[in-house]
Amino acid sequence: MTAPTTAADGTQLSMTTKDMRRVIASSFMGSMIEFYDFILYATAASLVFGQVFFAGLGPGFATFASFATFAVGYLARPLGGIIFGHFGDTRGRKRVLVLSMLMMGVASTIMGLLPPTAAVGVIAPILLVLLRVVQGVAVGGEWGGAILVALEHAPRNRRGLAASFANAGGPVGAVLATLMLSLFSLLPEEQFLSWGWRVPFLFSVALLAVGLVIRLRVAETPMFQQLEEIGAKRRVPIVEVLRHHWRAVLIAFVAVLSFTTSQGLMTVWGVSEAVTAGADPTGVLNWKAVAAITTVVVSILAARASDRLGRRTVIVAGCVVGIVLALPIIGLLQTGTVWGFALAIVLGNGLVQGLVYGPIAAFVAEQFPTSLRFSGASAAYQTASTIGAGFSPLIATSLVLGLGATWPVAVFWMVVLAASAAAVLLARESKDVDIHAS
């Protein structure tokens, strides 16, 4: 059985279903490992880093400082997208994936070895921030490479599904990271804060070895190979993207905010808010893992639906569901119970984020020509990740500290979802667009 694709000159290319599955599995596994490291930091920022690296600031401000270092990684993601996007468009998708994996694995392992502020003073949080920057640059290049390797191998009527499997590596990595930290959170608090939280970070060494083997087995995409044959690569792709495709970047950026803001609010701020309200940390982490699994299932189903109904229809539907549920979800976080958090995270992270997350990878990538796709898609996606996932916990914390209530957080979320739906409706429907070499 073969999966047909069409070359730039109109000739038919094909690859076996077995080969296609290998490509998707490679993208999925590599993305899962890289996002394990990146999301592990997010969870640790919610539960650990405020006490280990920012002790003495007081609970509210220690949490704020911890979230600030979390946001630094997202600030570095657009830079990583530009750097890796340049080489991905000029040298090939495959090559950048190995380097991004190495950078992420090494940075995460060193994090697990950092001494606390109480032992070495201010150098500890400084090193933490620098390593977080390395993580951000690495993951900034990861998404574009993993998505394009899957999407550019896939037949036209399966692009959404193929990209969603690569995209699903992120939530699965989040599940693994959350369960690892949850396991060690069962230790007495003193041991957990002393050494228990470090073990999941040091586990990155083993994941790095597995990831490198997987990355080296990934084949270059046929679309990029066609670009090399016709000599259509650009010297500085990001300049051409911003000059000729700025509208596509803007639309994709606002569209991606729908899920990145949902992610930041639910998986970072929401976790901290629920634990502060009295929910058991281990129970919270376990349900966060369940919600991540739900996100994977919903996103794959949503992506498959987008191959039939269109990217716009599914993404807008997810935004509408989020607008309706935002206020109840934020209210559930305030109950101080594991079950309240469980319902909130499954609805907010699993359902709302899953619906928009599934089609978004294909939607963004399909807005750009092959010769500029890595740079264009990465610029839009990573900038939205910085603003949405990186700063939404800070924005939410600031709203609560400034206004003394959580309902403004729900209003903020609803506004973002409405803006994303509007942006998607302004874009062309891309599920049937020919995206081959151009």
Protein backbone atom coordinates (compact mmCIF):
# COMPACT_ATOMS: atom_id res chain seq x y z
CA MET A 1 0.00 0.00 0.00
CA THR A 2 1.31 3.46 -0.89
CA ALA A 3 0.63 7.03 0.16
CA PRO A 4 0.79 9.21 -2.97
CA THR A 5 2.17 12.74 -3.09
CA THR A 6 2.60 15.17 -5.94
CA ALA A 7 5.88 16.80 -6.89
CA ALA A 8 6.33 20.40 -7.97
CA ASP A 9 6.42 19.38 -11.64
CA GLY A 10 3.20 17.40 -11.32
CA THR A 11 4.74 13.93 -11.28
CA GLN A 12 3.48 11.41 -8.77
CA LEU A 13 5.65 10.34 -5.89
CA SER A 14 4.71 7.61 -3.48
CA MET A 15 5.97 5.98 -0.33
CA THR A 16 4.79 2.85 1.41
CA THR A 17 2.43 3.08 4.36
CA LYS A 18 5.18 1.48 6.43
CA ASP A 19 7.59 4.27 5.47
CA MET A 20 4.99 6.91 6.27
CA ARG A 21 4.38 5.39 9.67
CA ARG A 22 8.12 5.38 10.33
CA VAL A 23 8.36 9.07 9.47
CA ILE A 24 5.42 9.97 11.71
CA ALA A 25 6.72 7.80 14.55
CA SER A 26 10.14 9.45 14.32
CA SER A 27 8.64 12.95 14.44
CA PHE A 28 6.33 11.98 17.28
CA MET A 29 9.01 10.37 19.42
CA GLY A 30 11.58 13.10 18.87
CA SER A 31 9.06 15.82 19.67
CA MET A 32 7.89 13.92 22.75
CA ILE A 33 11.41 13.69 24.16
CA GLU A 34 12.23 17.33 23.51
CA PHE A 35 8.98 18.60 25.02
CA TYR A 36 9.46 16.34 28.04
CA ASP A 37 12.41 18.51 28.97
CA PHE A 38 10.69 21.80 28.16
CA ILE A 39 7.42 21.05 30.00
CA LEU A 40 9.23 19.48 32.95
CA TYR A 41 10.58 22.94 33.67
CA ALA A 42 7.05 24.40 33.55
CA THR A 43 5.76 21.95 36.16
CA ALA A 44 8.80 22.44 38.37
CA ALA A 45 8.32 26.21 38.10
CA SER A 46 4.82 25.75 39.54
CA LEU A 47 5.79 23.51 42.45
CA VAL A 48 9.53 23.68 43.19
CA PHE A 49 11.59 26.55 41.84
CA GLY A 50 9.94 29.25 43.94
CA GLN A 51 11.17 27.49 47.10
CA VAL A 52 14.54 26.29 45.78
CA PHE A 53 15.77 29.26 43.77
CA PHE A 54 13.63 32.20 44.97
CA ALA A 55 13.20 31.53 48.69
CA GLY A 56 12.71 34.61 50.86
CA LEU A 57 10.56 36.58 48.41
CA GLY A 58 7.27 35.48 49.95
CA PRO A 59 4.86 32.94 48.42
CA GLY A 60 3.16 35.23 45.88
CA PHE A 61 6.29 36.95 44.62
CA ALA A 62 8.37 33.75 44.65
CA THR A 63 5.77 32.20 42.36
CA PHE A 64 5.86 35.30 40.17
CA ALA A 65 9.68 35.12 39.93
CA SER A 66 9.53 31.43 39.12
CA PHE A 67 7.00 32.07 36.35
CA ALA A 68 9.25 34.86 35.06
CA THR A 69 12.11 32.40 34.48
CA PHE A 70 9.58 30.09 32.87
CA ALA A 71 8.63 32.93 30.50
CA VAL A 72 12.30 33.52 29.58
CA GLY A 73 12.33 30.16 27.80
CA TYR A 74 9.39 31.30 25.72
CA LEU A 75 11.12 34.59 24.91
CA ALA A 76 13.95 32.55 23.39
CA ARG A 77 11.62 30.42 21.27
CA PRO A 78 11.16 32.95 18.42
CA LEU A 79 14.95 33.33 18.27
CA GLY A 80 15.26 29.55 18.00
CA GLY A 81 12.56 29.51 15.34
CA ILE A 82 14.42 32.12 13.27
CA ILE A 83 17.83 30.46 13.63
CA PHE A 84 16.69 26.91 13.03
CA GLY A 85 14.14 28.08 10.47
CA HIS A 86 16.93 29.65 8.42
CA PHE A 87 18.96 26.45 8.32
CA GLY A 88 15.85 24.30 7.95
CA ASP A 89 14.90 26.21 4.79
CA THR A 90 18.44 26.41 3.39
CA ARG A 91 20.13 23.21 4.59
CA GLY A 92 17.26 20.81 5.23
CA ARG A 93 14.67 19.88 7.87
CA LYS A 94 16.53 16.81 9.14
CA ARG A 95 19.83 18.42 10.12
CA VAL A 96 18.41 20.96 12.54
CA LEU A 97 16.54 18.32 14.53
CA VAL A 98 19.72 16.63 15.78
CA LEU A 99 21.20 19.89 17.06
CA SER A 100 17.99 20.98 18.78
CA MET A 101 17.85 17.63 20.58
CA LEU A 102 21.44 17.93 21.81
CA MET A 103 20.89 21.46 23.11
CA MET A 104 17.74 20.54 24.99
CA GLY A 105 19.09 17.37 26.57
CA VAL A 106 22.31 18.93 27.80
CA ALA A 107 20.56 22.00 29.25
CA SER A 108 17.99 19.92 31.13
CA THR A 109 20.61 17.60 32.58
CA ILE A 110 22.63 20.53 33.92
CA MET A 111 19.45 21.97 35.49
CA GLY A 112 19.15 18.79 37.53
CA LEU A 113 22.64 19.42 38.93
CA LEU A 114 22.19 23.11 39.87
CA PRO A 115 22.75 23.89 43.56
CA PRO A 116 20.02 25.88 45.36
CA THR A 117 20.25 29.61 46.03
CA ALA A 118 20.80 28.87 49.73
CA ALA A 119 24.11 27.17 48.82
CA VAL A 120 25.63 29.42 46.13
CA GLY A 121 23.60 32.61 46.21
CA VAL A 122 22.41 34.56 43.20
CA ILE A 123 24.47 32.51 40.73
CA ALA A 124 21.91 29.68 40.99
CA PRO A 125 18.93 31.61 39.54
CA ILE A 126 21.24 33.25 36.96
CA LEU A 127 22.38 29.85 35.69
CA LEU A 128 18.78 28.64 35.75
CA VAL A 129 17.75 31.52 33.50
CA LEU A 130 20.65 30.93 31.08
CA LEU A 131 19.81 27.23 30.78
CA ARG A 132 16.17 28.11 30.24
CA VAL A 133 17.23 30.33 27.33
CA VAL A 134 19.06 27.36 25.78
CA GLN A 135 15.92 25.25 26.23
CA GLY A 136 13.85 27.95 24.52
CA VAL A 137 16.16 28.22 21.52
CA ALA A 138 16.19 24.42 21.16
CA VAL A 139 12.44 23.94 21.30
CA GLY A 140 12.02 26.94 18.98
CA GLY A 141 13.61 24.86 16.24
CA GLU A 142 12.05 21.56 17.25
CA TRP A 143 8.42 22.27 16.36
CA GLY A 144 9.04 23.41 12.80
CA GLY A 145 11.32 20.50 11.99
CA ALA A 146 9.13 17.78 13.47
CA ILE A 147 5.93 19.13 11.93
CA LEU A 148 7.38 19.62 8.46
CA VAL A 149 9.04 16.20 8.35
CA ALA A 150 5.61 14.64 8.92
CA LEU A 151 3.51 17.05 6.85
CA GLU A 152 5.80 17.20 3.81
CA HIS A 153 5.83 13.42 3.54
CA ALA A 154 2.05 13.07 3.84
CA PRO A 155 -0.56 12.85 1.06
CA ARG A 156 -2.83 15.89 0.71
CA ASN A 157 -5.88 14.34 2.38
CA ARG A 158 -3.86 13.23 5.43
CA ARG A 159 -1.74 16.32 6.12
CA GLY A 160 -3.73 17.41 9.15
CA LEU A 161 -3.59 13.95 10.68
CA ALA A 162 0.14 13.51 9.98
CA ALA A 163 1.03 16.90 11.46
CA SER A 164 -1.16 16.24 14.50
CA PHE A 165 0.81 13.09 15.38
CA ALA A 166 4.04 15.09 15.34
CA ASN A 167 2.28 17.81 17.35
CA ALA A 168 0.98 15.19 19.80
CA GLY A 169 4.53 14.50 20.91
CA GLY A 170 4.32 17.66 23.01
CA PRO A 171 1.40 16.59 25.24
CA VAL A 172 2.78 13.04 25.55
CA GLY A 173 6.10 14.53 26.65
CA ALA A 174 4.11 16.60 29.13
CA VAL A 175 2.47 13.44 30.47
CA LEU A 176 5.82 11.75 30.96
CA ALA A 177 7.30 14.84 32.62
CA THR A 178 4.29 15.31 34.89
CA LEU A 179 4.19 11.67 35.97
CA MET A 180 7.91 11.66 36.68
CA LEU A 181 7.65 14.74 38.89
CA SER A 182 4.44 13.41 40.47
CA LEU A 183 6.21 10.16 41.39
CA PHE A 184 8.97 11.96 43.24
CA SER A 185 6.54 14.40 44.85
CA LEU A 186 5.40 11.41 46.96
CA LEU A 187 8.65 11.79 48.89
CA PRO A 188 8.62 13.78 52.13
CA GLU A 189 8.61 17.47 51.23
CA GLU A 190 12.15 18.06 52.49
CA GLN A 191 13.56 15.24 50.35
CA PHE A 192 11.51 16.26 47.33
CA LEU A 193 12.80 19.84 47.49
CA SER A 194 16.35 18.69 48.23
CA TRP A 195 16.91 16.03 45.57
CA GLY A 196 13.68 14.38 44.43
CA TRP A 197 12.78 17.00 41.82
CA ARG A 198 16.23 16.64 40.25
CA VAL A 199 15.84 13.01 39.16
CA PRO A 200 13.36 13.72 36.32
CA PHE A 201 15.80 16.32 34.95
CA LEU A 202 18.73 13.91 35.12
CA PHE A 203 16.60 11.31 33.34
CA SER A 204 17.10 13.55 30.28
CA VAL A 205 20.46 11.84 29.70
CA ALA A 206 18.75 8.57 28.86
CA LEU A 207 16.11 10.29 26.74
CA LEU A 208 18.82 12.19 24.87
CA ALA A 209 20.49 8.94 23.84
CA VAL A 210 17.19 7.51 22.57
CA GLY A 211 16.31 10.78 20.86
CA LEU A 212 19.55 11.01 18.93
CA VAL A 213 19.08 7.51 17.52
CA ILE A 214 15.56 8.47 16.42
CA ARG A 215 16.63 11.79 14.93
CA LEU A 216 19.38 10.19 12.85
CA ARG A 217 16.83 7.82 11.29
CA VAL A 218 14.56 10.62 10.05
CA ALA A 219 14.58 11.02 6.27
CA GLU A 220 14.80 14.40 4.57
CA THR A 221 11.45 15.44 3.12
CA PRO A 222 10.84 14.97 -0.62
CA MET A 223 9.68 18.58 -0.91
CA PHE A 224 12.99 19.93 0.35
CA GLN A 225 14.85 17.54 -1.93
CA GLN A 226 12.89 19.02 -4.83
CA LEU A 227 13.92 22.50 -3.73
CA GLU A 228 17.56 21.47 -3.88
CA GLU A 229 17.05 20.08 -7.38
CA ILE A 230 15.47 23.26 -8.74
CA GLY A 231 17.69 25.62 -6.71
CA ALA A 232 14.77 27.50 -5.15
CA LYS A 233 16.22 27.98 -1.65
CA ARG A 234 16.51 31.51 -0.22
CA ARG A 235 19.59 33.07 1.35
CA VAL A 236 17.71 34.80 4.21
CA PRO A 237 14.26 33.20 4.33
CA ILE A 238 12.94 35.17 7.33
CA VAL A 239 13.49 38.48 5.49
CA GLU A 240 11.44 37.27 2.54
CA VAL A 241 8.76 35.94 4.87
CA LEU A 242 8.35 39.29 6.60
CA ARG A 243 8.49 41.19 3.33
CA HIS A 244 6.07 39.15 1.24
CA HIS A 245 4.11 36.96 3.68
CA TRP A 246 3.58 39.23 6.70
CA ARG A 247 -0.20 38.82 6.54
CA ALA A 248 0.12 35.04 6.76
CA VAL A 249 2.49 35.42 9.73
CA LEU A 250 0.04 37.72 11.52
CA ILE A 251 -2.97 35.45 10.92
CA ALA A 252 -1.07 32.33 11.99
CA PHE A 253 0.30 34.12 15.08
CA VAL A 254 -3.13 35.17 16.34
CA ALA A 255 -4.62 31.76 15.51
CA VAL A 256 -1.95 29.93 17.53
CA LEU A 257 -2.68 32.14 20.57
CA SER A 258 -5.91 30.17 21.01
CA PHE A 259 -4.14 27.08 22.23
CA THR A 260 -0.92 28.54 23.67
CA THR A 261 -2.87 30.81 26.01
CA SER A 262 -5.08 27.89 27.03
CA GLN A 263 -1.97 25.85 27.70
CA GLY A 264 -0.27 28.50 29.82
CA LEU A 265 -3.37 29.23 31.87
CA MET A 266 -4.30 25.63 32.55
CA THR A 267 -1.03 23.73 32.83
CA VAL A 268 1.05 26.36 34.65
CA TRP A 269 -1.05 29.04 36.33
CA GLY A 270 -3.95 26.67 36.92
CA VAL A 271 -1.73 24.09 38.62
CA SER A 272 -0.27 26.70 40.96
CA GLU A 273 -3.69 28.22 41.65
CA ALA A 274 -5.26 24.86 42.51
CA VAL A 275 -2.41 23.86 44.85
CA THR A 276 -2.48 27.29 46.54
CA ALA A 277 -6.23 26.89 47.07
CA GLY A 278 -5.59 23.62 48.94
CA ALA A 279 -5.64 20.82 46.35
CA ASP A 280 -3.21 17.94 46.92
CA PRO A 281 -0.13 18.45 44.68
CA THR A 282 0.22 14.77 43.75
CA GLY A 283 -3.44 14.55 42.77
CA VAL A 284 -3.13 17.74 40.75
CA LEU A 285 -0.13 16.40 38.84
CA ASN A 286 -1.84 13.09 38.16
CA TRP A 287 -4.89 14.82 36.72
CA LYS A 288 -2.69 17.12 34.70
CA ALA A 289 -1.28 13.96 33.10
CA VAL A 290 -4.78 12.62 32.43
CA ALA A 291 -5.71 15.93 30.79
CA ALA A 292 -2.61 15.78 28.59
CA ILE A 293 -3.63 12.32 27.38
CA THR A 294 -7.10 13.70 26.69
CA THR A 295 -5.49 16.54 24.70
CA VAL A 296 -3.66 14.01 22.52
CA VAL A 297 -6.81 12.01 21.78
CA VAL A 298 -8.98 15.08 21.12
CA SER A 299 -6.30 16.76 18.98
CA ILE A 300 -5.86 13.72 16.74
CA LEU A 301 -9.63 13.42 16.26
CA ALA A 302 -9.88 17.16 15.60
CA ALA A 303 -7.05 17.01 13.06
CA ARG A 304 -8.71 14.11 11.26
CA ALA A 305 -11.96 16.08 11.20
CA SER A 306 -10.09 19.07 9.76
CA ASP A 307 -8.92 16.92 6.83
CA ARG A 308 -12.60 16.47 5.97
CA LEU A 309 -14.37 19.60 7.25
CA GLY A 310 -11.56 22.12 6.96
CA ARG A 311 -9.05 23.64 9.38
CA ARG A 312 -11.11 26.79 9.93
CA THR A 313 -14.29 24.98 10.93
CA VAL A 314 -12.62 22.89 13.63
CA ILE A 315 -10.41 25.64 15.07
CA VAL A 316 -13.28 28.13 15.32
CA ALA A 317 -15.45 25.48 16.98
CA GLY A 318 -12.76 24.96 19.61
CA CYS A 319 -12.55 28.71 20.27
CA VAL A 320 -16.32 28.94 20.73
CA VAL A 321 -16.32 26.03 23.19
CA GLY A 322 -13.53 27.74 25.14
CA ILE A 323 -15.41 31.06 25.31
CA VAL A 324 -18.46 29.29 26.74
CA LEU A 325 -16.46 27.29 29.32
CA ALA A 326 -13.82 29.86 30.40
CA LEU A 327 -15.64 31.28 33.43
CA PRO A 328 -16.79 27.92 34.83
CA ILE A 329 -13.31 26.45 34.37
CA ILE A 330 -11.60 29.28 36.26
CA GLY A 331 -14.20 28.93 39.01
CA LEU A 332 -13.46 25.21 39.38
CA LEU A 333 -9.79 25.97 40.05
CA GLN A 334 -10.81 27.92 43.16
CA THR A 335 -12.54 24.99 44.86
CA GLY A 336 -9.28 23.79 46.40
CA THR A 337 -10.15 20.17 45.59
CA VAL A 338 -8.52 17.64 43.33
CA TRP A 339 -11.86 16.89 41.68
CA GLY A 340 -12.48 20.56 40.96
CA PHE A 341 -9.06 20.81 39.35
CA ALA A 342 -9.63 17.53 37.49
CA LEU A 343 -12.80 18.80 35.83
CA ALA A 344 -11.19 22.15 35.04
CA ILE A 345 -8.03 20.71 33.48
CA VAL A 346 -9.86 18.06 31.44
CA LEU A 347 -12.22 20.67 30.00
CA GLY A 348 -9.68 23.47 29.55
CA ASN A 349 -6.59 21.52 28.59
CA GLY A 350 -8.11 18.34 27.19
CA LEU A 351 -11.16 19.61 25.32
CA VAL A 352 -10.63 23.29 24.50
CA GLN A 353 -6.90 23.10 23.83
CA GLY A 354 -7.25 19.74 22.06
CA LEU A 355 -9.83 21.03 19.58
CA VAL A 356 -7.65 23.92 18.43
CA TYR A 357 -4.33 22.13 18.87
CA GLY A 358 -5.14 19.29 16.47
CA PRO A 359 -5.53 21.26 13.21
CA ILE A 360 -3.25 24.20 14.09
CA ALA A 361 0.04 22.68 12.93
CA ALA A 362 -1.23 21.95 9.44
CA PHE A 363 -3.10 25.26 9.30
CA VAL A 364 0.04 27.27 10.09
CA ALA A 365 2.39 25.30 7.81
CA GLU A 366 -0.03 25.48 4.89
CA GLN A 367 0.07 29.29 4.90
CA PHE A 368 3.64 29.35 3.49
CA PRO A 369 5.49 28.08 0.38
CA THR A 370 7.97 25.21 0.81
CA SER A 371 11.07 27.37 0.43
CA LEU A 372 9.96 29.59 3.32
CA ARG A 373 7.79 27.20 5.30
CA PHE A 374 10.16 26.41 8.17
CA SER A 375 10.96 30.10 8.76
CA GLY A 376 7.41 31.39 8.30
CA ALA A 377 5.64 28.73 10.34
CA SER A 378 8.24 28.84 13.12
CA ALA A 379 8.19 32.64 13.36
CA ALA A 380 4.41 32.72 13.76
CA TYR A 381 4.12 29.69 16.01
CA GLN A 382 7.02 30.44 18.34
CA THR A 383 6.11 34.10 18.78
CA ALA A 384 2.57 33.05 19.71
CA SER A 385 4.02 30.50 22.13
CA THR A 386 6.04 33.27 23.77
CA ILE A 387 3.07 35.59 24.17
CA GLY A 388 0.44 32.94 24.89
CA ALA A 389 1.99 30.11 26.90
CA GLY A 390 5.00 32.06 28.16
CA PHE A 391 3.28 35.17 29.49
CA SER A 392 -0.28 34.08 30.25
CA PRO A 393 0.74 32.72 33.71
CA LEU A 394 2.36 36.09 34.48
CA ILE A 395 -0.66 37.99 33.15
CA ALA A 396 -3.05 35.83 35.17
CA THR A 397 -0.99 36.20 38.35
CA SER A 398 -0.82 39.97 37.84
CA LEU A 399 -4.59 40.20 37.32
CA VAL A 400 -5.25 38.28 40.53
CA LEU A 401 -2.70 40.28 42.54
CA GLY A 402 -3.94 43.60 41.14
CA LEU A 403 -7.71 43.03 41.17
CA GLY A 404 -8.04 40.48 43.96
CA ALA A 405 -10.27 38.17 41.90
CA THR A 406 -9.93 35.42 39.32
CA TRP A 407 -12.83 36.26 36.99
CA PRO A 408 -10.69 38.78 35.03
CA VAL A 409 -8.49 35.81 34.05
CA ALA A 410 -11.53 34.20 32.43
CA VAL A 411 -12.32 37.43 30.56
CA PHE A 412 -8.72 37.65 29.32
CA TRP A 413 -8.93 34.04 28.06
CA MET A 414 -12.24 34.70 26.28
CA VAL A 415 -10.86 37.78 24.50
CA VAL A 416 -7.86 35.80 23.21
CA LEU A 417 -10.08 32.98 21.93
CA ALA A 418 -12.39 35.44 20.15
CA ALA A 419 -9.44 37.14 18.46
CA SER A 420 -8.05 33.78 17.33
CA ALA A 421 -11.38 32.73 15.84
CA ALA A 422 -11.57 36.00 13.92
CA ALA A 423 -8.04 35.56 12.54
CA VAL A 424 -8.76 32.03 11.36
CA LEU A 425 -11.91 33.20 9.58
CA LEU A 426 -9.83 35.81 7.72
CA ALA A 427 -7.51 33.11 6.33
CA ARG A 428 -8.15 30.95 3.31
CA GLU A 429 -9.20 27.35 3.85
CA SER A 430 -5.97 25.44 3.33
CA LYS A 431 -6.80 21.74 3.59
CA ASP A 432 -6.93 21.29 -0.20
CA VAL A 433 -4.18 23.76 -1.13
CA ASP A 434 -1.23 22.34 -3.07
CA ILE A 435 1.74 23.03 -0.78
CA HIS A 436 4.42 21.30 -2.86
CA ALA A 437 7.73 22.93 -3.80
CA SER A 438 7.41 26.61 -4.65
